[in-house]
Amino acid sequence: MELSKVIIKPLTTEKSVSMNALGKYVFAVDGKANKIEILRAVEQLYGTKPIQCRVLRVPEKSNSRRLKRREYNKAIVTFAKDSKFDPNKL
């Protein structure tokens, strides 16, 4: 898989922004990407070496009006405390 297509976008929710103080950043990623590909893509796009990556699947969700939100994967990437990381670089 191409590394430029692994990371779809950074996610900015209230919970993910509070995790930034701990050096953890959240990204929406391609469903077929594994942890190693995600770590390489983050290193290539942002120029900073991450320490750890955790991946979880967010299931699809529908509401009473039959609108559906698609299923996607979410990656929580941890960086060192002293690293210079700018999540808005994309």
C-alpha atoms as a PDB file:
ATOM      1  CA  MET A   1       0.000   0.000   0.000  1.00  0.00           C
ATOM      2  CA  GLU A   2       1.231   3.515  -0.782  1.00  0.00           C
ATOM      3  CA  LEU A   3       2.282   5.347   2.361  1.00  0.00           C
ATOM      4  CA  SER A   4       0.688   8.591   1.162  1.00  0.00           C
ATOM      5  CA  LYS A   5      -2.761   6.917   1.141  1.00  0.00           C
ATOM      6  CA  VAL A   6      -2.524   5.278   4.568  1.00  0.00           C
ATOM      7  CA  ILE A   7      -3.439   8.328   6.655  1.00  0.00           C
ATOM      8  CA  ILE A   8      -6.749   9.880   5.626  1.00  0.00           C
ATOM      9  CA  LYS A   9      -6.909  12.821   8.064  1.00  0.00           C
ATOM     10  CA  PRO A  10      -6.124  13.839  11.644  1.00  0.00           C
ATOM     11  CA  LEU A  11      -9.137  13.555  13.949  1.00  0.00           C
ATOM     12  CA  THR A  12      -9.908  16.497  16.211  1.00  0.00           C
ATOM     13  CA  THR A  13     -12.468  15.622  18.838  1.00  0.00           C
ATOM     14  CA  GLU A  14     -12.629  16.765  22.422  1.00  0.00           C
ATOM     15  CA  LYS A  15     -11.090  13.517  23.638  1.00  0.00           C
ATOM     16  CA  SER A  16      -8.336  13.420  20.995  1.00  0.00           C
ATOM     17  CA  VAL A  17      -7.312  17.022  21.704  1.00  0.00           C
ATOM     18  CA  SER A  18      -6.999  16.237  25.421  1.00  0.00           C
ATOM     19  CA  MET A  19      -4.676  13.331  24.539  1.00  0.00           C
ATOM     20  CA  ASN A  20      -2.283  15.727  22.747  1.00  0.00           C
ATOM     21  CA  ALA A  21      -0.823  16.805  26.099  1.00  0.00           C
ATOM     22  CA  LEU A  22       0.301  13.197  26.611  1.00  0.00           C
ATOM     23  CA  GLY A  23       2.017  13.087  23.217  1.00  0.00           C
ATOM     24  CA  LYS A  24      -0.750  11.011  21.595  1.00  0.00           C
ATOM     25  CA  TYR A  25      -2.379  12.019  18.309  1.00  0.00           C
ATOM     26  CA  VAL A  26      -5.365  10.428  16.569  1.00  0.00           C
ATOM     27  CA  PHE A  27      -5.715   9.801  12.828  1.00  0.00           C
ATOM     28  CA  ALA A  28      -8.352   8.258  10.586  1.00  0.00           C
ATOM     29  CA  VAL A  29      -6.520   5.600   8.566  1.00  0.00           C
ATOM     30  CA  ASP A  30      -7.204   3.219   5.705  1.00  0.00           C
ATOM     31  CA  GLY A  31      -8.923   0.007   6.782  1.00  0.00           C
ATOM     32  CA  LYS A  32      -6.341  -2.206   5.091  1.00  0.00           C
ATOM     33  CA  ALA A  33      -3.300  -0.558   6.708  1.00  0.00           C
ATOM     34  CA  ASN A  34      -1.414  -2.321   9.488  1.00  0.00           C
ATOM     35  CA  LYS A  35       0.540  -0.785  12.377  1.00  0.00           C
ATOM     36  CA  ILE A  36       3.901  -0.869  10.616  1.00  0.00           C
ATOM     37  CA  GLU A  37       2.528   0.939   7.555  1.00  0.00           C
ATOM     38  CA  ILE A  38       0.870   3.558   9.764  1.00  0.00           C
ATOM     39  CA  LEU A  39       4.122   4.196  11.670  1.00  0.00           C
ATOM     40  CA  ARG A  40       6.079   4.543   8.411  1.00  0.00           C
ATOM     41  CA  ALA A  41       3.463   6.875   6.910  1.00  0.00           C
ATOM     42  CA  VAL A  42       3.465   9.150   9.970  1.00  0.00           C
ATOM     43  CA  GLU A  43       7.262   9.268   9.934  1.00  0.00           C
ATOM     44  CA  GLN A  44       7.328  10.096   6.207  1.00  0.00           C
ATOM     45  CA  LEU A  45       4.563  12.741   6.290  1.00  0.00           C
ATOM     46  CA  TYR A  46       5.510  14.526   9.520  1.00  0.00           C
ATOM     47  CA  GLY A  47       9.263  13.872   9.755  1.00  0.00           C
ATOM     48  CA  THR A  48       9.073  12.688  13.379  1.00  0.00           C
ATOM     49  CA  LYS A  49       9.612   9.118  14.551  1.00  0.00           C
ATOM     50  CA  PRO A  50       6.629   7.774  16.531  1.00  0.00           C
ATOM     51  CA  ILE A  51       7.055   5.386  19.452  1.00  0.00           C
ATOM     52  CA  GLN A  52       3.837   3.374  19.401  1.00  0.00           C
ATOM     53  CA  CYS A  53       0.667   2.875  17.354  1.00  0.00           C
ATOM     54  CA  ARG A  54      -2.676   1.453  18.419  1.00  0.00           C
ATOM     55  CA  VAL A  55      -5.400   0.743  15.875  1.00  0.00           C
ATOM     56  CA  LEU A  56      -9.106   0.308  16.495  1.00  0.00           C
ATOM     57  CA  ARG A  57     -12.120  -0.131  14.268  1.00  0.00           C
ATOM     58  CA  VAL A  58     -14.988   2.346  14.577  1.00  0.00           C
ATOM     59  CA  PRO A  59     -18.201   0.566  13.503  1.00  0.00           C
ATOM     60  CA  GLU A  60     -20.774   2.111  11.219  1.00  0.00           C
ATOM     61  CA  LYS A  61     -23.577   3.959  12.913  1.00  0.00           C
ATOM     62  CA  SER A  62     -27.089   4.854  11.800  1.00  0.00           C
ATOM     63  CA  ASN A  63     -29.708   7.121  13.302  1.00  0.00           C
ATOM     64  CA  SER A  64     -33.489   7.266  13.212  1.00  0.00           C
ATOM     65  CA  ARG A  65     -33.544   8.983   9.797  1.00  0.00           C
ATOM     66  CA  ARG A  66     -31.666   6.034   8.257  1.00  0.00           C
ATOM     67  CA  LEU A  67     -28.506   8.068   7.716  1.00  0.00           C
ATOM     68  CA  LYS A  68     -25.355   6.004   8.047  1.00  0.00           C
ATOM     69  CA  ARG A  69     -21.837   6.898   9.043  1.00  0.00           C
ATOM     70  CA  ARG A  70     -19.322   4.620   7.370  1.00  0.00           C
ATOM     71  CA  GLU A  71     -17.038   2.281   9.241  1.00  0.00           C
ATOM     72  CA  TYR A  72     -13.397   3.398   9.505  1.00  0.00           C
ATOM     73  CA  ASN A  73     -10.205   2.634  11.397  1.00  0.00           C
ATOM     74  CA  LYS A  74      -8.678   4.976  13.940  1.00  0.00           C
ATOM     75  CA  ALA A  75      -4.997   5.018  14.896  1.00  0.00           C
ATOM     76  CA  ILE A  76      -3.638   6.474  18.138  1.00  0.00           C
ATOM     77  CA  VAL A  77       0.020   7.326  17.569  1.00  0.00           C
ATOM     78  CA  THR A  78       2.327   8.091  20.505  1.00  0.00           C
ATOM     79  CA  PHE A  79       5.357  10.387  20.166  1.00  0.00           C
ATOM     80  CA  ALA A  80       8.205  11.114  22.571  1.00  0.00           C
ATOM     81  CA  LYS A  81       7.643  14.008  24.973  1.00  0.00           C
ATOM     82  CA  ASP A  82      10.536  16.035  23.516  1.00  0.00           C
ATOM     83  CA  SER A  83       9.589  15.543  19.841  1.00  0.00           C
ATOM     84  CA  LYS A  84       8.572  18.509  17.703  1.00  0.00           C
ATOM     85  CA  PHE A  85       5.307  17.365  16.134  1.00  0.00           C
ATOM     86  CA  ASP A  86       2.820  19.587  14.276  1.00  0.00           C
ATOM     87  CA  PRO A  87      -0.416  17.703  13.485  1.00  0.00           C
ATOM     88  CA  ASN A  88      -1.629  20.462  11.171  1.00  0.00           C
ATOM     89  CA  LYS A  89       1.231  19.959   8.714  1.00  0.00           C
ATOM     90  CA  LEU A  90      -0.904  17.984   6.224  1.00  0.00           C
END
